[in-house]
Amino acid sequence: MAHSFPTPAIATLKRQQVNDGLLLNAERWQRAHAYHRQRQNVHYQSLNQPGIVCGLGVQVIPPPEEVAAEYRDQRWVKIQPGIAIDLEGNLIIVPQALNFRITTEVKKPEPLTIYVVAQYRDPDQLENSSPSEVVQETFRIDERSRPPGPLDVELCRLLLREQQRAISMPSDVFFPGYGDIDLRYRHQAQARPQGLVQIAELQHDDPDCSRNYFNLTYLSRSIEDIYPALRGADSIDQVTWDHDLQPYELLYLTGNQGLSLNSRQCSALSAYLNRGGTLFIDAPSEAKALIQSVQRLAQQLQTPLKSLQESRRDHPLRVKPFLFSALPQSRQARIQLLSGGGIILSIGNLAGLWGLDEAMLRSRTEIRTAQELGLNILHFAWKRRQMIDGRDPTSV
């Protein structure tokens, strides 16, 4: 799953002004070179994401012979040589394999996740560094009981139980168990996507409001594989009308019952839409009460819904990033898509096509076609927020 990495701080760069006769001293030399380092880091951070470039594999090993007897246990790993780049663009170079011992012991009944991370260390900021004409940039390997920080590069993680004495390599790398080395969450250094889409599912008084939650997760996971310019956030949040809705580009709502919003909820929705948010209602064909209430709500907000057939041929829901002539089918009926302002109404339970079919009868083509239409909806929501936020001088 995609991770949200911040862009560089918006601050002007300052460089050393050089004139004939300028006396060169250590402070001015450092200032001149710090400018180039900062410029390189900002360039990297602007276009790329941090992560592992190569190597840095992690394997369980027997305790090294040279360590003291009290540390000769089954908690040793070997970290292979490799290169990583942190959030600021600093290179983390591990030139040779090194042994590392997991020291954390869990003393509570609840399992604890341990993270093994690498971190860049600037020699100029290290204490007790001896003066030398040449200094070597270095790194630190550490273990944490909290998620990695902004400048950490995760090498592996482990889920430890109470009094667990040994760690091991997993028998199935895709489904590690307690005490197994877990490599599933390592990030690779790669190009930064154009945007990150945050999605939330709206909870309301309808027993079917969460029926497609896991399918939303499937869609979010597929974003970077189908359309690498966008990424999905790490999780799909579940919110109510009373939550702060502004962080989300897209709010997803489904069910069967009609919507009934009070004046405060209508005001919150109106403010959300005016700030560039998108509300996507995914109604089954038989959910007449929900469909009619959404159409009334759109009229009330002065954004009546129009079908794609009534809209322009180049409407973004139809052409960006994937071109659609005919929409997918669900239960032998064609999905219908209507929109107005920041409200999108799908009739036919589109999200029901995004995930696994337990009977294993749905074809890959059906799933991919439905997911591509879902990507058009997410792209619409992201682009709408981007353009309205850019137009609004109060946006941050």
Protein backbone atom coordinates (compact mmCIF):
# COMPACT_ATOMS: atom_id res chain seq x y z
CA MET A 1 0.00 0.00 0.00
CA ALA A 2 1.09 3.45 -0.77
CA HIS A 3 2.58 5.64 1.91
CA SER A 4 2.18 9.43 2.19
CA PHE A 5 5.59 11.09 1.92
CA PRO A 6 5.59 14.88 2.37
CA THR A 7 6.94 17.24 -0.25
CA PRO A 8 9.90 19.51 0.58
CA ALA A 9 9.41 22.54 2.77
CA ILE A 10 8.57 25.63 0.72
CA ALA A 11 11.58 27.82 1.49
CA THR A 12 14.00 29.80 -0.67
CA LEU A 13 17.56 28.54 -1.03
CA LYS A 14 20.50 30.71 -0.03
CA ARG A 15 23.96 30.36 -1.52
CA GLN A 16 27.34 31.90 -0.92
CA GLN A 17 27.95 35.10 -2.89
CA VAL A 18 31.49 34.97 -4.29
CA ASN A 19 33.51 38.06 -5.24
CA ASP A 20 37.18 38.67 -6.10
CA GLY A 21 39.19 39.04 -2.97
CA LEU A 22 36.75 37.05 -0.79
CA LEU A 23 38.65 35.34 2.01
CA LEU A 24 37.95 31.59 1.94
CA ASN A 25 37.41 30.15 5.42
CA ALA A 26 35.78 26.99 6.77
CA GLU A 27 32.41 28.66 7.39
CA ARG A 28 32.13 29.98 3.83
CA TRP A 29 33.32 26.68 2.35
CA GLN A 30 30.68 24.78 4.34
CA ARG A 31 27.98 27.27 3.33
CA ALA A 32 28.84 26.90 -0.36
CA HIS A 33 28.72 23.09 -0.22
CA ALA A 34 25.62 22.99 2.01
CA TYR A 35 23.74 24.86 -0.72
CA HIS A 36 24.50 22.16 -3.29
CA ARG A 37 23.54 19.39 -0.86
CA GLN A 38 20.28 21.10 -0.01
CA ARG A 39 19.47 21.71 -3.67
CA GLN A 40 20.13 18.05 -4.51
CA ASN A 41 17.96 16.88 -1.61
CA VAL A 42 15.07 19.16 -2.58
CA HIS A 43 15.30 17.94 -6.18
CA TYR A 44 15.18 14.30 -5.08
CA GLN A 45 12.36 14.83 -2.63
CA SER A 46 10.32 16.73 -5.22
CA LEU A 47 10.40 13.97 -7.82
CA ASN A 48 10.95 10.75 -5.90
CA GLN A 49 9.95 8.72 -2.88
CA PRO A 50 12.39 7.29 -0.34
CA GLY A 51 13.12 3.61 0.00
CA ILE A 52 15.52 0.79 -0.78
CA VAL A 53 17.52 1.00 -4.01
CA CYS A 54 19.15 -2.43 -3.84
CA GLY A 55 20.20 -5.09 -1.36
CA LEU A 56 19.61 -4.71 2.38
CA GLY A 57 18.04 -8.17 2.63
CA VAL A 58 17.43 -9.55 6.12
CA GLN A 59 18.05 -13.18 7.08
CA VAL A 60 17.92 -15.06 10.38
CA ILE A 61 21.33 -16.47 11.38
CA PRO A 62 22.78 -18.48 14.28
CA PRO A 63 24.41 -16.34 16.98
CA PRO A 64 27.91 -15.22 15.91
CA GLU A 65 30.72 -17.10 17.65
CA GLU A 66 32.49 -13.92 18.76
CA VAL A 67 29.64 -12.58 20.91
CA ALA A 68 29.46 -13.15 24.65
CA ALA A 69 27.61 -16.25 25.86
CA GLU A 70 24.76 -14.20 27.37
CA TYR A 71 23.86 -12.88 23.89
CA ARG A 72 24.12 -16.21 22.05
CA ASP A 73 20.40 -16.69 21.47
CA GLN A 74 18.08 -17.18 18.48
CA ARG A 75 17.48 -13.48 17.89
CA TRP A 76 20.18 -12.66 15.36
CA VAL A 77 19.76 -11.46 11.78
CA LYS A 78 22.23 -10.60 9.05
CA ILE A 79 21.59 -7.42 7.05
CA GLN A 80 23.03 -7.66 3.56
CA PRO A 81 24.98 -4.82 1.87
CA GLY A 82 22.84 -2.36 -0.03
CA ILE A 83 21.75 1.20 -0.70
CA ALA A 84 18.69 3.16 0.38
CA ILE A 85 17.64 6.80 0.11
CA ASP A 86 15.80 8.59 2.89
CA LEU A 87 13.02 11.18 2.64
CA GLU A 88 15.47 14.09 2.30
CA GLY A 89 17.45 12.40 -0.47
CA ASN A 90 20.37 11.27 1.70
CA LEU A 91 22.12 8.06 0.65
CA ILE A 92 22.24 5.25 3.20
CA ILE A 93 25.05 2.93 2.10
CA VAL A 94 25.69 -0.31 3.97
CA PRO A 95 29.00 -1.42 2.40
CA GLN A 96 29.20 -4.89 3.94
CA ALA A 97 26.97 -7.40 5.68
CA LEU A 98 26.44 -6.82 9.38
CA ASN A 99 24.95 -8.83 12.22
CA PHE A 100 22.14 -7.36 14.31
CA ARG A 101 20.40 -8.69 17.40
CA ILE A 102 16.69 -8.10 18.14
CA THR A 103 16.67 -7.16 21.82
CA THR A 104 13.02 -6.29 22.52
CA GLU A 105 11.19 -8.70 24.81
CA VAL A 106 7.41 -8.61 25.03
CA LYS A 107 6.17 -8.78 28.62
CA LYS A 108 2.47 -8.16 27.99
CA PRO A 109 -0.20 -10.52 26.65
CA GLU A 110 -0.75 -8.37 23.55
CA PRO A 111 1.63 -9.02 20.61
CA LEU A 112 4.00 -6.18 19.73
CA THR A 113 5.27 -5.16 16.28
CA ILE A 114 9.01 -4.44 16.12
CA TYR A 115 10.46 -2.43 13.22
CA VAL A 116 14.08 -2.72 12.05
CA VAL A 117 15.11 0.49 10.28
CA ALA A 118 18.12 2.16 8.70
CA GLN A 119 18.84 5.85 9.19
CA TYR A 120 21.32 8.21 7.57
CA ARG A 121 23.86 9.77 9.94
CA ASP A 122 25.55 13.04 9.00
CA PRO A 123 29.16 12.91 10.28
CA ASP A 124 29.07 16.66 10.93
CA GLN A 125 26.31 16.11 13.49
CA LEU A 126 27.89 13.19 15.35
CA GLU A 127 29.27 13.89 18.80
CA ASN A 128 32.90 13.09 19.66
CA SER A 129 33.88 12.83 16.00
CA SER A 130 37.63 13.18 15.69
CA PRO A 131 38.95 15.94 13.38
CA SER A 132 39.95 14.53 10.00
CA GLU A 133 40.60 15.85 6.52
CA VAL A 134 38.15 13.28 5.10
CA VAL A 135 34.97 12.12 6.84
CA GLN A 136 32.79 9.18 5.93
CA GLU A 137 29.02 9.45 5.78
CA THR A 138 27.51 6.66 7.81
CA PHE A 139 24.25 5.08 8.95
CA ARG A 140 22.56 3.52 11.93
CA ILE A 141 20.51 0.31 12.21
CA ASP A 142 17.92 0.42 14.94
CA GLU A 143 14.84 -1.42 16.19
CA ARG A 144 11.66 0.40 17.20
CA SER A 145 8.39 -0.53 18.86
CA ARG A 146 6.64 2.33 17.03
CA PRO A 147 6.18 2.82 13.28
CA PRO A 148 9.20 4.20 11.38
CA GLY A 149 9.75 7.94 11.52
CA PRO A 150 9.98 10.28 8.50
CA LEU A 151 13.72 9.71 8.02
CA ASP A 152 13.69 5.94 8.70
CA VAL A 153 13.86 3.33 5.94
CA GLU A 154 12.19 0.11 7.04
CA LEU A 155 14.19 -3.08 6.47
CA CYS A 156 11.77 -5.53 8.09
CA ARG A 157 9.30 -5.93 10.91
CA LEU A 158 8.33 -8.72 13.31
CA LEU A 159 5.21 -9.48 15.35
CA LEU A 160 6.40 -10.83 18.70
CA ARG A 161 4.36 -12.57 21.38
CA GLU A 162 4.90 -12.60 25.12
CA GLN A 163 8.09 -14.42 26.12
CA GLN A 164 8.99 -15.23 22.52
CA ARG A 165 12.64 -16.27 22.56
CA ALA A 166 13.37 -17.05 18.92
CA ILE A 167 12.81 -15.42 15.55
CA SER A 168 12.69 -17.25 12.25
CA MET A 169 12.26 -16.93 8.50
CA PRO A 170 8.62 -17.43 7.44
CA SER A 171 7.53 -20.66 5.78
CA ASP A 172 5.31 -18.47 3.55
CA VAL A 173 6.81 -15.03 2.88
CA PHE A 174 3.39 -13.61 1.94
CA PHE A 175 1.84 -14.66 5.27
CA PRO A 176 4.47 -14.50 8.04
CA GLY A 177 3.52 -15.65 11.52
CA TYR A 178 4.58 -14.67 15.04
CA GLY A 179 8.33 -14.18 15.30
CA ASP A 180 8.81 -14.34 11.52
CA ILE A 181 10.78 -11.79 9.53
CA ASP A 182 8.19 -9.74 7.63
CA LEU A 183 9.47 -8.07 4.44
CA ARG A 184 6.08 -7.09 2.98
CA TYR A 185 6.22 -3.42 3.97
CA ARG A 186 9.63 -2.44 2.60
CA HIS A 187 9.39 0.59 0.30
CA GLN A 188 11.40 0.75 -2.91
CA ALA A 189 12.89 4.07 -3.99
CA GLN A 190 10.81 5.19 -6.95
CA ALA A 191 9.26 8.16 -8.74
CA ARG A 192 6.80 10.19 -6.71
CA PRO A 193 3.18 9.93 -7.95
CA GLN A 194 1.36 13.08 -9.00
CA GLY A 195 -1.16 12.67 -6.22
CA LEU A 196 -2.31 10.68 -3.20
CA VAL A 197 -6.02 9.88 -2.97
CA GLN A 198 -7.56 9.58 0.48
CA ILE A 199 -10.86 7.70 0.63
CA ALA A 200 -13.36 7.34 3.46
CA GLU A 201 -16.50 5.25 3.72
CA LEU A 202 -19.49 7.09 5.16
CA GLN A 203 -21.25 5.24 7.97
CA HIS A 204 -24.98 5.95 8.35
CA ASP A 205 -28.19 4.35 9.61
CA ASP A 206 -28.29 1.56 7.05
CA PRO A 207 -27.27 -2.05 7.82
CA ASP A 208 -25.72 -2.36 4.35
CA CYS A 209 -23.58 0.78 4.51
CA SER A 210 -20.32 -1.23 4.87
CA ARG A 211 -20.97 -4.09 2.48
CA ASN A 212 -18.31 -2.93 0.00
CA TYR A 213 -15.62 -1.86 2.47
CA PHE A 214 -13.17 -4.60 1.48
CA ASN A 215 -13.79 -3.94 -2.21
CA LEU A 216 -12.82 -0.32 -1.61
CA THR A 217 -9.58 -1.65 -0.18
CA TYR A 218 -9.01 -3.78 -3.28
CA LEU A 219 -9.50 -0.74 -5.50
CA SER A 220 -7.14 1.40 -3.41
CA ARG A 221 -4.45 -1.28 -3.58
CA SER A 222 -4.78 -1.55 -7.34
CA ILE A 223 -4.34 2.17 -8.05
CA GLU A 224 -0.55 2.26 -8.35
CA ASP A 225 -0.49 -0.88 -10.53
CA ILE A 226 -3.19 0.31 -12.93
CA TYR A 227 -2.33 4.03 -12.97
CA PRO A 228 1.04 4.79 -11.31
CA ALA A 229 0.50 8.57 -11.43
CA LEU A 230 -1.87 8.17 -8.46
CA ARG A 231 -1.55 6.26 -5.20
CA GLY A 232 -4.09 5.26 -2.61
CA ALA A 233 -3.67 6.12 1.06
CA ASP A 234 -2.60 3.37 3.45
CA SER A 235 -6.12 2.70 4.72
CA ILE A 236 -9.78 3.32 4.00
CA ASP A 237 -11.20 5.27 6.94
CA GLN A 238 -14.76 4.92 8.17
CA VAL A 239 -16.38 8.23 9.12
CA THR A 240 -19.79 9.71 9.87
CA TRP A 241 -21.32 13.02 8.81
CA ASP A 242 -20.07 14.47 12.10
CA HIS A 243 -16.38 13.84 11.36
CA ASP A 244 -14.03 16.29 9.69
CA LEU A 245 -14.56 15.37 6.03
CA GLN A 246 -12.06 17.77 4.45
CA PRO A 247 -8.97 15.46 4.48
CA TYR A 248 -10.64 13.07 2.02
CA GLU A 249 -10.73 13.55 -1.73
CA LEU A 250 -13.55 10.98 -1.99
CA LEU A 251 -16.36 9.96 0.35
CA TYR A 252 -17.96 6.63 -0.54
CA LEU A 253 -21.55 5.85 0.47
CA THR A 254 -23.74 2.84 -0.22
CA GLY A 255 -26.79 1.09 1.22
CA ASN A 256 -30.47 0.73 0.37
CA GLN A 257 -32.30 3.26 2.49
CA GLY A 258 -32.92 6.85 1.50
CA LEU A 259 -30.64 9.57 2.84
CA SER A 260 -32.05 11.99 5.39
CA LEU A 261 -29.62 14.75 6.34
CA ASN A 262 -30.36 17.41 8.93
CA SER A 263 -29.46 21.05 8.34
CA ARG A 264 -26.06 20.75 10.05
CA GLN A 265 -25.13 17.70 7.98
CA CYS A 266 -26.26 19.43 4.79
CA SER A 267 -24.08 22.42 5.66
CA ALA A 268 -21.10 20.14 6.32
CA LEU A 269 -21.62 18.37 2.98
CA SER A 270 -21.99 21.66 1.13
CA ALA A 271 -18.77 22.98 2.66
CA TYR A 272 -16.99 19.75 1.76
CA LEU A 273 -18.12 19.91 -1.85
CA ASN A 274 -17.29 23.63 -2.13
CA ARG A 275 -13.73 22.86 -0.96
CA GLY A 276 -13.27 20.36 -3.77
CA GLY A 277 -14.42 17.12 -2.13
CA THR A 278 -16.35 14.47 -4.03
CA LEU A 279 -19.26 12.37 -2.73
CA PHE A 280 -19.66 9.05 -4.54
CA ILE A 281 -22.95 7.23 -3.92
CA ASP A 282 -22.91 3.62 -5.11
CA ALA A 283 -26.50 2.40 -5.20
CA PRO A 284 -27.80 -1.04 -6.16
CA SER A 285 -30.35 -0.91 -8.98
CA GLU A 286 -33.17 -1.87 -6.62
CA ALA A 287 -32.32 0.82 -4.01
CA LYS A 288 -34.97 3.24 -5.30
CA ALA A 289 -35.25 5.12 -1.99
CA LEU A 290 -31.48 5.84 -1.95
CA ILE A 291 -31.38 6.86 -5.62
CA GLN A 292 -34.32 9.24 -5.31
CA SER A 293 -33.03 10.82 -2.09
CA VAL A 294 -29.63 11.49 -3.69
CA GLN A 295 -31.28 13.15 -6.67
CA ARG A 296 -33.33 15.35 -4.32
CA LEU A 297 -30.20 16.21 -2.34
CA ALA A 298 -28.38 17.23 -5.52
CA GLN A 299 -31.30 19.47 -6.48
CA GLN A 300 -31.29 21.01 -3.00
CA LEU A 301 -27.56 21.77 -3.37
CA GLN A 302 -28.25 23.27 -6.82
CA THR A 303 -26.12 20.66 -8.60
CA PRO A 304 -28.70 18.49 -10.43
CA LEU A 305 -27.35 15.16 -11.65
CA LYS A 306 -26.94 14.42 -15.36
CA SER A 307 -26.12 11.05 -16.92
CA LEU A 308 -22.94 10.59 -18.91
CA GLN A 309 -25.07 10.44 -22.06
CA GLU A 310 -26.30 13.98 -21.32
CA SER A 311 -22.82 15.26 -20.47
CA ARG A 312 -20.06 16.37 -22.81
CA ARG A 313 -18.28 13.62 -24.72
CA ASP A 314 -14.99 14.63 -23.10
CA HIS A 315 -16.34 14.54 -19.53
CA PRO A 316 -13.41 13.39 -17.31
CA LEU A 317 -15.43 10.52 -15.81
CA ARG A 318 -15.61 9.09 -19.31
CA VAL A 319 -12.11 9.79 -20.64
CA LYS A 320 -9.61 10.31 -17.79
CA PRO A 321 -7.44 8.32 -17.47
CA PHE A 322 -9.34 5.52 -19.25
CA LEU A 323 -11.65 5.92 -22.24
CA PHE A 324 -15.16 4.47 -21.88
CA SER A 325 -17.76 4.06 -24.57
CA ALA A 326 -19.94 1.52 -22.73
CA LEU A 327 -19.89 1.19 -18.94
CA PRO A 328 -19.42 -2.18 -17.15
CA GLN A 329 -22.30 -4.55 -16.51
CA SER A 330 -23.51 -5.87 -13.16
CA ARG A 331 -26.07 -8.68 -13.04
CA GLN A 332 -26.59 -8.40 -16.80
CA ALA A 333 -27.54 -4.71 -16.44
CA ARG A 334 -25.37 -1.77 -17.54
CA ILE A 335 -23.97 0.45 -14.78
CA GLN A 336 -25.41 3.98 -14.93
CA LEU A 337 -23.33 6.98 -13.91
CA LEU A 338 -24.74 10.43 -13.11
CA SER A 339 -22.90 13.47 -11.83
CA GLY A 340 -23.35 17.08 -10.89
CA GLY A 341 -20.86 19.32 -9.14
CA GLY A 342 -18.99 17.09 -6.72
CA ILE A 343 -21.69 14.40 -6.46
CA ILE A 344 -21.43 11.16 -8.44
CA LEU A 345 -24.24 8.60 -8.40
CA SER A 346 -23.61 5.08 -9.68
CA ILE A 347 -26.65 2.85 -10.18
CA GLY A 348 -25.83 -0.87 -10.23
CA ASN A 349 -23.46 -1.44 -7.26
CA LEU A 350 -20.20 -0.69 -9.09
CA ALA A 351 -17.98 -1.42 -6.06
CA GLY A 352 -19.43 -4.91 -5.93
CA LEU A 353 -17.32 -5.64 -9.03
CA TRP A 354 -14.02 -4.36 -7.61
CA GLY A 355 -13.14 -7.32 -5.42
CA LEU A 356 -12.99 -11.10 -5.32
CA ASP A 357 -15.92 -13.24 -6.37
CA GLU A 358 -16.21 -16.04 -3.82
CA ALA A 359 -17.62 -18.37 -6.48
CA MET A 360 -14.61 -17.48 -8.69
CA LEU A 361 -16.88 -16.92 -11.70
CA ARG A 362 -16.14 -13.24 -12.38
CA SER A 363 -13.55 -12.80 -15.11
CA ARG A 364 -10.41 -10.75 -14.79
CA THR A 365 -11.70 -8.53 -17.63
CA GLU A 366 -14.87 -7.72 -15.67
CA ILE A 367 -12.91 -6.83 -12.54
CA ARG A 368 -10.32 -4.74 -14.39
CA THR A 369 -12.96 -2.86 -16.42
CA ALA A 370 -14.87 -1.99 -13.24
CA GLN A 371 -11.64 -0.98 -11.47
CA GLU A 372 -10.66 1.26 -14.39
CA LEU A 373 -14.00 3.05 -14.09
CA GLY A 374 -13.31 3.32 -10.36
CA LEU A 375 -9.94 4.88 -11.24
CA ASN A 376 -11.72 7.45 -13.41
CA ILE A 377 -13.88 8.34 -10.40
CA LEU A 378 -10.82 8.62 -8.12
CA HIS A 379 -8.92 10.66 -10.72
CA PHE A 380 -11.94 12.98 -11.04
CA ALA A 381 -12.04 13.43 -7.24
CA TRP A 382 -8.28 14.08 -7.00
CA LYS A 383 -8.21 16.51 -9.94
CA ARG A 384 -11.29 18.36 -8.70
CA ARG A 385 -9.76 18.87 -5.25
CA GLN A 386 -6.45 19.90 -6.78
CA MET A 387 -7.99 22.54 -9.04
CA ILE A 388 -10.40 23.98 -6.47
CA ASP A 389 -7.72 24.07 -3.77
CA GLY A 390 -5.41 25.81 -6.23
CA ARG A 391 -8.09 28.39 -6.99
CA ASP A 392 -8.91 29.04 -3.34
CA PRO A 393 -6.35 31.43 -1.76
CA THR A 394 -7.28 30.23 1.73
CA SER A 395 -6.36 26.61 1.01
CA VAL A 396 -3.21 25.19 2.52
